[in-house]
PDB file of N, CA and C in Angstrom:
ATOM      1  N   MET A   1      16.045   0.954   1.043  1.00  0.00           N
ATOM      2  CA  MET A   1      14.730   0.749   2.231  1.00  0.00           C
ATOM      3  C   MET A   1      15.207   1.442   3.268  1.00  0.00           C
ATOM      4  N   ALA A   2      14.280   2.173   3.935  1.00  0.00           N
ATOM      5  CA  ALA A   2      14.383   2.363   5.468  1.00  0.00           C
ATOM      6  C   ALA A   2      14.015   1.647   6.194  1.00  0.00           C
ATOM      7  N   ARG A   3      14.738   1.811   7.478  1.00  0.00           N
ATOM      8  CA  ARG A   3      14.762   0.690   8.320  1.00  0.00           C
ATOM      9  C   ARG A   3      14.180   1.212   9.658  1.00  0.00           C
ATOM     10  N   GLN A   4      13.015   0.316   9.910  1.00  0.00           N
ATOM     11  CA  GLN A   4      12.056   1.376  11.335  1.00  0.00           C
ATOM     12  C   GLN A   4      12.030  -0.037  12.492  1.00  0.00           C
ATOM     13  N   SER A   5      11.656   0.399  13.295  1.00  0.00           N
ATOM     14  CA  SER A   5      11.570  -0.479  14.626  1.00  0.00           C
ATOM     15  C   SER A   5      10.091   0.281  14.947  1.00  0.00           C
ATOM     16  N   ILE A   6       9.164  -0.869  15.331  1.00  0.00           N
ATOM     17  CA  ILE A   6       7.683  -0.610  15.599  1.00  0.00           C
ATOM     18  C   ILE A   6       7.238  -1.540  16.631  1.00  0.00           C
ATOM     19  N   SER A   7       6.288  -1.229  17.168  1.00  0.00           N
ATOM     20  CA  SER A   7       5.798  -1.854  18.330  1.00  0.00           C
ATOM     21  C   SER A   7       4.421  -2.272  17.759  1.00  0.00           C
ATOM     22  N   PHE A   8       3.627  -3.455  18.080  1.00  0.00           N
ATOM     23  CA  PHE A   8       2.296  -4.001  17.864  1.00  0.00           C
ATOM     24  C   PHE A   8       1.659  -4.600  19.583  1.00  0.00           C
ATOM     25  N   THR A   9       0.342  -4.100  19.201  1.00  0.00           N
ATOM     26  CA  THR A   9      -0.260  -4.721  20.637  1.00  0.00           C
ATOM     27  C   THR A   9      -0.335  -6.241  19.960  1.00  0.00           C
ATOM     28  N   ASP A  10      -0.773  -7.023  21.272  1.00  0.00           N
ATOM     29  CA  ASP A  10      -0.602  -8.427  21.200  1.00  0.00           C
ATOM     30  C   ASP A  10      -1.267  -8.954  20.055  1.00  0.00           C
ATOM     31  N   PRO A  11      -2.740  -8.404  20.228  1.00  0.00           N
ATOM     32  CA  PRO A  11      -3.743  -9.118  19.286  1.00  0.00           C
ATOM     33  C   PRO A  11      -3.387  -8.510  17.806  1.00  0.00           C
ATOM     34  N   ASN A  12      -2.526  -7.813  17.630  1.00  0.00           N
ATOM     35  CA  ASN A  12      -2.390  -7.220  15.928  1.00  0.00           C
ATOM     36  C   ASN A  12      -1.070  -8.167  15.646  1.00  0.00           C
ATOM     37  N   ASP A  13      -0.191  -8.289  16.490  1.00  0.00           N
ATOM     38  CA  ASP A  13       0.939  -9.222  16.312  1.00  0.00           C
ATOM     39  C   ASP A  13       0.785 -10.849  16.134  1.00  0.00           C
ATOM     40  N   GLU A  14      -0.324 -11.273  16.757  1.00  0.00           N
ATOM     41  CA  GLU A  14      -0.835 -12.668  16.636  1.00  0.00           C
ATOM     42  C   GLU A  14      -1.607 -12.620  15.124  1.00  0.00           C
ATOM     43  N   TRP A  15      -2.289 -11.252  14.753  1.00  0.00           N
ATOM     44  CA  TRP A  15      -2.585 -11.450  13.570  1.00  0.00           C
ATOM     45  C   TRP A  15      -1.845 -11.847  12.447  1.00  0.00           C
ATOM     46  N   LEU A  16      -0.398 -11.020  12.792  1.00  0.00           N
ATOM     47  CA  LEU A  16       0.508 -10.625  11.773  1.00  0.00           C
ATOM     48  C   LEU A  16       0.942 -11.925  11.497  1.00  0.00           C
ATOM     49  N   LYS A  17       1.193 -12.507  12.526  1.00  0.00           N
ATOM     50  CA  LYS A  17       2.044 -13.971  12.678  1.00  0.00           C
ATOM     51  C   LYS A  17       1.418 -14.939  11.896  1.00  0.00           C
ATOM     52  N   ALA A  18       0.143 -14.887  12.284  1.00  0.00           N
ATOM     53  CA  ALA A  18      -0.965 -15.934  11.513  1.00  0.00           C
ATOM     54  C   ALA A  18      -0.564 -15.756   9.988  1.00  0.00           C
ATOM     55  N   GLN A  19      -0.636 -14.624   9.556  1.00  0.00           N
ATOM     56  CA  GLN A  19      -0.860 -14.273   8.104  1.00  0.00           C
ATOM     57  C   GLN A  19       0.548 -14.979   7.519  1.00  0.00           C
ATOM     58  N   VAL A  20       1.608 -14.483   8.221  1.00  0.00           N
ATOM     59  CA  VAL A  20       3.011 -15.265   7.627  1.00  0.00           C
ATOM     60  C   VAL A  20       2.803 -16.685   8.026  1.00  0.00           C
ATOM     61  N   GLU A  21       2.387 -17.095   8.878  1.00  0.00           N
ATOM     62  CA  GLU A  21       2.357 -18.810   8.912  1.00  0.00           C
ATOM     63  C   GLU A  21       2.040 -19.035   8.152  1.00  0.00           C
ATOM     64  N   SER A  22       0.299 -18.574   7.498  1.00  0.00           N
ATOM     65  CA  SER A  22      -0.344 -19.322   6.460  1.00  0.00           C
ATOM     66  C   SER A  22       0.178 -18.904   5.078  1.00  0.00           C
ATOM     67  N   LYS A  23       1.396 -18.547   5.299  1.00  0.00           N
ATOM     68  CA  LYS A  23       2.487 -18.168   3.636  1.00  0.00           C
ATOM     69  C   LYS A  23       1.641 -17.028   2.860  1.00  0.00           C
ATOM     70  N   GLU A  24       0.755 -16.036   3.722  1.00  0.00           N
ATOM     71  CA  GLU A  24       0.273 -15.285   2.694  1.00  0.00           C
ATOM     72  C   GLU A  24       1.520 -14.129   2.615  1.00  0.00           C
ATOM     73  N   TYR A  25       2.171 -14.160   3.325  1.00  0.00           N
ATOM     74  CA  TYR A  25       3.418 -13.355   3.266  1.00  0.00           C
ATOM     75  C   TYR A  25       4.556 -13.700   3.691  1.00  0.00           C
ATOM     76  N   ALA A  26       5.693 -13.250   3.006  1.00  0.00           N
ATOM     77  CA  ALA A  26       6.753 -13.895   3.532  1.00  0.00           C
ATOM     78  C   ALA A  26       7.553 -13.037   5.143  1.00  0.00           C
ATOM     79  N   SER A  27       6.921 -12.451   5.205  1.00  0.00           N
ATOM     80  CA  SER A  27       7.143 -11.602   6.549  1.00  0.00           C
ATOM     81  C   SER A  27       6.396 -10.599   6.837  1.00  0.00           C
ATOM     82  N   LYS A  28       6.222 -10.301   8.136  1.00  0.00           N
ATOM     83  CA  LYS A  28       5.593  -9.068   9.109  1.00  0.00           C
ATOM     84  C   LYS A  28       6.283  -7.904   8.046  1.00  0.00           C
ATOM     85  N   SER A  29       7.388  -7.538   7.507  1.00  0.00           N
ATOM     86  CA  SER A  29       7.639  -6.333   6.808  1.00  0.00           C
ATOM     87  C   SER A  29       6.815  -6.252   5.450  1.00  0.00           C
ATOM     88  N   GLU A  30       6.810  -7.470   4.657  1.00  0.00           N
ATOM     89  CA  GLU A  30       6.092  -7.561   3.555  1.00  0.00           C
ATOM     90  C   GLU A  30       4.496  -7.205   3.725  1.00  0.00           C
ATOM     91  N   LEU A  31       3.897  -7.435   4.632  1.00  0.00           N
ATOM     92  CA  LEU A  31       2.341  -7.804   4.962  1.00  0.00           C
ATOM     93  C   LEU A  31       2.171  -6.156   5.098  1.00  0.00           C
ATOM     94  N   VAL A  32       3.394  -5.485   6.452  1.00  0.00           N
ATOM     95  CA  VAL A  32       2.931  -4.107   6.790  1.00  0.00           C
ATOM     96  C   VAL A  32       3.038  -3.272   5.269  1.00  0.00           C
ATOM     97  N   ASN A  33       3.866  -3.511   4.645  1.00  0.00           N
ATOM     98  CA  ASN A  33       4.028  -2.661   3.535  1.00  0.00           C
ATOM     99  C   ASN A  33       2.920  -2.858   2.560  1.00  0.00           C
ATOM    100  N   ASP A  34       2.390  -3.818   2.338  1.00  0.00           N
ATOM    101  CA  ASP A  34       1.524  -4.136   1.443  1.00  0.00           C
ATOM    102  C   ASP A  34       0.092  -3.356   1.998  1.00  0.00           C
ATOM    103  N   LEU A  35      -0.175  -3.350   3.229  1.00  0.00           N
ATOM    104  CA  LEU A  35      -0.947  -2.683   4.340  1.00  0.00           C
ATOM    105  C   LEU A  35      -1.019  -1.231   3.957  1.00  0.00           C
ATOM    106  N   ILE A  36       0.172  -0.586   4.280  1.00  0.00           N
ATOM    107  CA  ILE A  36       0.375   0.703   3.704  1.00  0.00           C
ATOM    108  C   ILE A  36      -0.049   1.195   2.598  1.00  0.00           C
ATOM    109  N   ARG A  37       0.374   0.247   1.427  1.00  0.00           N
ATOM    110  CA  ARG A  37       0.144   0.441  -0.050  1.00  0.00           C
ATOM    111  C   ARG A  37      -1.096   0.829  -0.345  1.00  0.00           C
ATOM    112  N   GLN A  38      -2.064  -0.304   0.572  1.00  0.00           N
ATOM    113  CA  GLN A  38      -3.317  -0.295   0.388  1.00  0.00           C
ATOM    114  C   GLN A  38      -4.122   0.926   0.858  1.00  0.00           C
ATOM    115  N   ALA A  39      -3.791   1.399   1.818  1.00  0.00           N
ATOM    116  CA  ALA A  39      -4.430   2.771   2.695  1.00  0.00           C
ATOM    117  C   ALA A  39      -3.970   3.826   1.613  1.00  0.00           C
ATOM    118  N   ARG A  40      -2.576   4.047   0.897  1.00  0.00           N
ATOM    119  CA  ARG A  40      -2.721   4.714   0.421  1.00  0.00           C
ATOM    120  C   ARG A  40      -2.909   4.980  -0.712  1.00  0.00           C
ATOM    121  N   LYS A  41      -3.471   3.726  -1.564  1.00  0.00           N
ATOM    122  CA  LYS A  41      -4.595   3.765  -2.587  1.00  0.00           C
ATOM    123  C   LYS A  41      -6.114   3.931  -2.441  1.00  0.00           C
ATOM    124  N   GLN A  42      -6.088   3.739  -1.442  1.00  0.00           N
ATOM    125  CA  GLN A  42      -7.844   4.204  -0.635  1.00  0.00           C
ATOM    126  C   GLN A  42      -7.549   5.722  -0.637  1.00  0.00           C
ATOM    127  N   GLN A  43      -6.731   6.288  -0.099  1.00  0.00           N
ATOM    128  CA  GLN A  43      -6.518   7.607   0.448  1.00  0.00           C
ATOM    129  C   GLN A  43      -6.576   8.527  -1.040  1.00  0.00           C
ATOM    130  N   LYS A  44      -5.924   8.049  -1.843  1.00  0.00           N
ATOM    131  CA  LYS A  44      -5.636   8.425  -3.310  1.00  0.00           C
ATOM    132  C   LYS A  44      -7.009   8.861  -3.984  1.00  0.00           C
ATOM    133  N   GLN A  45      -7.932   7.540  -3.845  1.00  0.00           N
ATOM    134  CA  GLN A  45      -9.080   7.250  -4.763  1.00  0.00           C
ATOM    135  C   GLN A  45     -10.277   8.328  -3.532  1.00  0.00           C
ATOM    136  N   ILE A  46     -10.017   8.667  -2.353  1.00  0.00           N
ATOM    137  CA  ILE A  46     -10.815   9.618  -1.667  1.00  0.00           C
ATOM    138  C   ILE A  46     -10.384  11.109  -2.117  1.00  0.00           C
ATOM    139  N   ASP A  47      -9.111  11.285  -2.584  1.00  0.00           N
ATOM    140  CA  ASP A  47      -8.769  12.240  -2.563  1.00  0.00           C
ATOM    141  C   ASP A  47      -9.261  12.821  -3.857  1.00  0.00           C
TER     142      ASP A  47
END
């Protein structure tokens, strides 16, 4: 798996932290990967 370093705005970082703290996701990485999968799926449906 490729390793990346990315920066988030404060509001986005707080939202990510809240999702992880609510046990919705195990980590920010898992959440970001899920968001990308969802966006890719939407794009595929549009195409």
